[in-house]
């Protein structure tokens, strides 16, 4: 084991910590996908059944539950949530003073 290990506190966004472009949007998409996966699991849906509910092909469900989100827009993920009878609310407001730039975030309501 190397003594050169550096440990940093997370910003709360793994994509930002890794220096990924569009980190806030990537985290928001991951949060939406997590809720979709949870709903699919709680309803004991197979991927074929989930595909029917979401109106997509089974391989797309496979990508979705495995976190391969590159082909899924925020709008599309929001439509999936609606198909699962989940309410999606979008709030817009001024940038918080403690943030350098305005961004995108997902606030989950309830027990997720």
C-alpha atoms as a PDB file:
ATOM      1  CA  UNK A   1       0.000   0.000   0.000  1.00  0.00           C
ATOM      2  CA  UNK A   2       1.294   3.425  -0.938  1.00  0.00           C
ATOM      3  CA  UNK A   3       1.789   6.275   1.536  1.00  0.00           C
ATOM      4  CA  UNK A   4       0.977   8.738  -1.293  1.00  0.00           C
ATOM      5  CA  UNK A   5      -2.782   8.314  -0.878  1.00  0.00           C
ATOM      6  CA  UNK A   6      -4.709  11.593  -0.811  1.00  0.00           C
ATOM      7  CA  UNK A   7      -8.181  11.664   0.708  1.00  0.00           C
ATOM      8  CA  UNK A   8     -10.542  14.541  -0.050  1.00  0.00           C
ATOM      9  CA  UNK A   9     -13.963  15.297   1.324  1.00  0.00           C
ATOM     10  CA  UNK A  10     -16.702  14.859  -1.268  1.00  0.00           C
ATOM     11  CA  UNK A  11     -18.583  17.855  -2.593  1.00  0.00           C
ATOM     12  CA  UNK A  12     -21.730  15.714  -2.550  1.00  0.00           C
ATOM     13  CA  UNK A  13     -21.565  15.300  -6.328  1.00  0.00           C
ATOM     14  CA  UNK A  14     -19.318  12.462  -7.471  1.00  0.00           C
ATOM     15  CA  UNK A  15     -19.412  13.782 -11.050  1.00  0.00           C
ATOM     16  CA  UNK A  16     -18.074  17.151  -9.892  1.00  0.00           C
ATOM     17  CA  UNK A  17     -15.452  15.437  -7.756  1.00  0.00           C
ATOM     18  CA  UNK A  18     -14.266  13.583 -10.873  1.00  0.00           C
ATOM     19  CA  UNK A  19     -14.230  16.787 -12.947  1.00  0.00           C
ATOM     20  CA  UNK A  20     -16.933  15.593 -15.350  1.00  0.00           C
ATOM     21  CA  UNK A  21     -18.569  18.101 -17.665  1.00  0.00           C
ATOM     22  CA  UNK A  22     -22.213  18.808 -16.832  1.00  0.00           C
ATOM     23  CA  UNK A  23     -21.755  17.424 -13.318  1.00  0.00           C
ATOM     24  CA  UNK A  24     -24.958  18.914 -11.884  1.00  0.00           C
ATOM     25  CA  UNK A  25     -27.114  17.626 -14.727  1.00  0.00           C
ATOM     26  CA  UNK A  26     -25.499  14.193 -14.501  1.00  0.00           C
ATOM     27  CA  UNK A  27     -26.241  14.030 -10.780  1.00  0.00           C
ATOM     28  CA  UNK A  28     -29.840  15.165 -11.367  1.00  0.00           C
ATOM     29  CA  UNK A  29     -30.324  12.454 -13.994  1.00  0.00           C
ATOM     30  CA  UNK A  30     -28.804   9.856 -11.661  1.00  0.00           C
ATOM     31  CA  UNK A  31     -31.184  10.926  -8.881  1.00  0.00           C
ATOM     32  CA  UNK A  32     -34.212  10.608 -11.202  1.00  0.00           C
ATOM     33  CA  UNK A  33     -33.017   7.216 -12.438  1.00  0.00           C
ATOM     34  CA  UNK A  34     -32.577   6.056  -8.837  1.00  0.00           C
ATOM     35  CA  UNK A  35     -36.241   6.847  -8.119  1.00  0.00           C
ATOM     36  CA  UNK A  36     -37.306   5.009 -11.289  1.00  0.00           C
ATOM     37  CA  UNK A  37     -35.235   1.937 -10.331  1.00  0.00           C
ATOM     38  CA  UNK A  38     -36.699   1.994  -6.824  1.00  0.00           C
ATOM     39  CA  UNK A  39     -40.268   2.121  -8.177  1.00  0.00           C
ATOM     40  CA  UNK A  40     -39.596  -0.745 -10.586  1.00  0.00           C
ATOM     41  CA  UNK A  41     -38.112  -2.820  -7.746  1.00  0.00           C
ATOM     42  CA  UNK A  42     -40.876  -1.963  -5.240  1.00  0.00           C
ATOM     43  CA  UNK A  43     -43.540  -2.969  -7.755  1.00  0.00           C
ATOM     44  CA  UNK A  44     -41.673  -6.222  -8.466  1.00  0.00           C
ATOM     45  CA  UNK A  45     -41.766  -5.470 -12.188  1.00  0.00           C
ATOM     46  CA  UNK A  46     -39.683  -7.498 -14.595  1.00  0.00           C
ATOM     47  CA  UNK A  47     -37.761  -5.492 -17.171  1.00  0.00           C
ATOM     48  CA  UNK A  48     -40.344  -6.509 -19.779  1.00  0.00           C
ATOM     49  CA  UNK A  49     -43.189  -5.295 -17.558  1.00  0.00           C
ATOM     50  CA  UNK A  50     -41.326  -2.073 -16.764  1.00  0.00           C
ATOM     51  CA  UNK A  51     -40.761  -1.510 -20.471  1.00  0.00           C
ATOM     52  CA  UNK A  52     -44.521  -1.760 -21.060  1.00  0.00           C
ATOM     53  CA  UNK A  53     -45.276   0.740 -18.288  1.00  0.00           C
ATOM     54  CA  UNK A  54     -42.584   3.172 -19.461  1.00  0.00           C
ATOM     55  CA  UNK A  55     -43.347   2.761 -23.163  1.00  0.00           C
ATOM     56  CA  UNK A  56     -39.818   1.730 -24.096  1.00  0.00           C
ATOM     57  CA  UNK A  57     -37.975  -1.414 -25.167  1.00  0.00           C
ATOM     58  CA  UNK A  58     -36.629  -3.884 -22.592  1.00  0.00           C
ATOM     59  CA  UNK A  59     -32.971  -3.178 -23.509  1.00  0.00           C
ATOM     60  CA  UNK A  60     -33.626   0.493 -22.679  1.00  0.00           C
ATOM     61  CA  UNK A  61     -34.902  -0.538 -19.235  1.00  0.00           C
ATOM     62  CA  UNK A  62     -31.722  -2.571 -18.796  1.00  0.00           C
ATOM     63  CA  UNK A  63     -29.592   0.500 -19.582  1.00  0.00           C
ATOM     64  CA  UNK A  64     -31.706   2.641 -17.274  1.00  0.00           C
ATOM     65  CA  UNK A  65     -31.457   0.355 -14.251  1.00  0.00           C
ATOM     66  CA  UNK A  66     -27.714  -0.136 -14.832  1.00  0.00           C
ATOM     67  CA  UNK A  67     -27.138   3.628 -14.814  1.00  0.00           C
ATOM     68  CA  UNK A  68     -26.278   3.971 -18.494  1.00  0.00           C
ATOM     69  CA  UNK A  69     -28.063   7.300 -18.806  1.00  0.00           C
ATOM     70  CA  UNK A  70     -26.351   8.940 -21.781  1.00  0.00           C
ATOM     71  CA  UNK A  71     -29.320   8.334 -24.099  1.00  0.00           C
ATOM     72  CA  UNK A  72     -31.907   9.539 -21.569  1.00  0.00           C
ATOM     73  CA  UNK A  73     -32.743  13.241 -21.362  1.00  0.00           C
ATOM     74  CA  UNK A  74     -34.081  14.813 -18.187  1.00  0.00           C
ATOM     75  CA  UNK A  75     -37.423  15.242 -19.938  1.00  0.00           C
ATOM     76  CA  UNK A  76     -37.556  11.561 -20.848  1.00  0.00           C
ATOM     77  CA  UNK A  77     -36.742  10.505 -17.282  1.00  0.00           C
ATOM     78  CA  UNK A  78     -39.484  12.834 -16.046  1.00  0.00           C
ATOM     79  CA  UNK A  79     -41.966  11.158 -18.432  1.00  0.00           C
ATOM     80  CA  UNK A  80     -40.938   7.751 -17.043  1.00  0.00           C
ATOM     81  CA  UNK A  81     -41.661   9.006 -13.530  1.00  0.00           C
ATOM     82  CA  UNK A  82     -45.095  10.212 -14.644  1.00  0.00           C
ATOM     83  CA  UNK A  83     -45.750   6.795 -16.220  1.00  0.00           C
ATOM     84  CA  UNK A  84     -44.987   5.315 -12.783  1.00  0.00           C
ATOM     85  CA  UNK A  85     -47.565   7.695 -11.232  1.00  0.00           C
ATOM     86  CA  UNK A  86     -44.849   9.853  -9.694  1.00  0.00           C
ATOM     87  CA  UNK A  87     -45.361  13.613  -9.507  1.00  0.00           C
ATOM     88  CA  UNK A  88     -42.544  15.751 -10.918  1.00  0.00           C
ATOM     89  CA  UNK A  89     -42.340  19.385  -9.799  1.00  0.00           C
ATOM     90  CA  UNK A  90     -39.913  21.890 -11.244  1.00  0.00           C
ATOM     91  CA  UNK A  91     -38.994  24.913  -9.148  1.00  0.00           C
ATOM     92  CA  UNK A  92     -37.122  27.891 -10.521  1.00  0.00           C
ATOM     93  CA  UNK A  93     -35.576  30.614  -8.391  1.00  0.00           C
ATOM     94  CA  UNK A  94     -32.589  32.875  -8.037  1.00  0.00           C
ATOM     95  CA  UNK A  95     -29.158  31.368  -7.549  1.00  0.00           C
ATOM     96  CA  UNK A  96     -28.268  30.940  -3.875  1.00  0.00           C
ATOM     97  CA  UNK A  97     -25.719  33.538  -2.746  1.00  0.00           C
ATOM     98  CA  UNK A  98     -23.287  30.861  -1.606  1.00  0.00           C
ATOM     99  CA  UNK A  99     -23.071  29.305  -5.095  1.00  0.00           C
ATOM    100  CA  UNK A 100     -20.733  30.601  -7.762  1.00  0.00           C
ATOM    101  CA  UNK A 101     -23.065  29.615 -10.641  1.00  0.00           C
ATOM    102  CA  UNK A 102     -26.712  28.702 -10.999  1.00  0.00           C
ATOM    103  CA  UNK A 103     -27.293  25.003 -11.527  1.00  0.00           C
ATOM    104  CA  UNK A 104     -29.680  22.073 -11.563  1.00  0.00           C
ATOM    105  CA  UNK A 105     -30.608  19.899  -8.610  1.00  0.00           C
ATOM    106  CA  UNK A 106     -33.214  17.288  -7.711  1.00  0.00           C
ATOM    107  CA  UNK A 107     -34.984  17.451  -4.368  1.00  0.00           C
ATOM    108  CA  UNK A 108     -36.659  14.188  -3.452  1.00  0.00           C
ATOM    109  CA  UNK A 109     -39.852  14.429  -1.416  1.00  0.00           C
ATOM    110  CA  UNK A 110     -40.799  11.537   0.844  1.00  0.00           C
ATOM    111  CA  UNK A 111     -38.750   8.504   1.778  1.00  0.00           C
ATOM    112  CA  UNK A 112     -36.293   7.700  -0.968  1.00  0.00           C
END
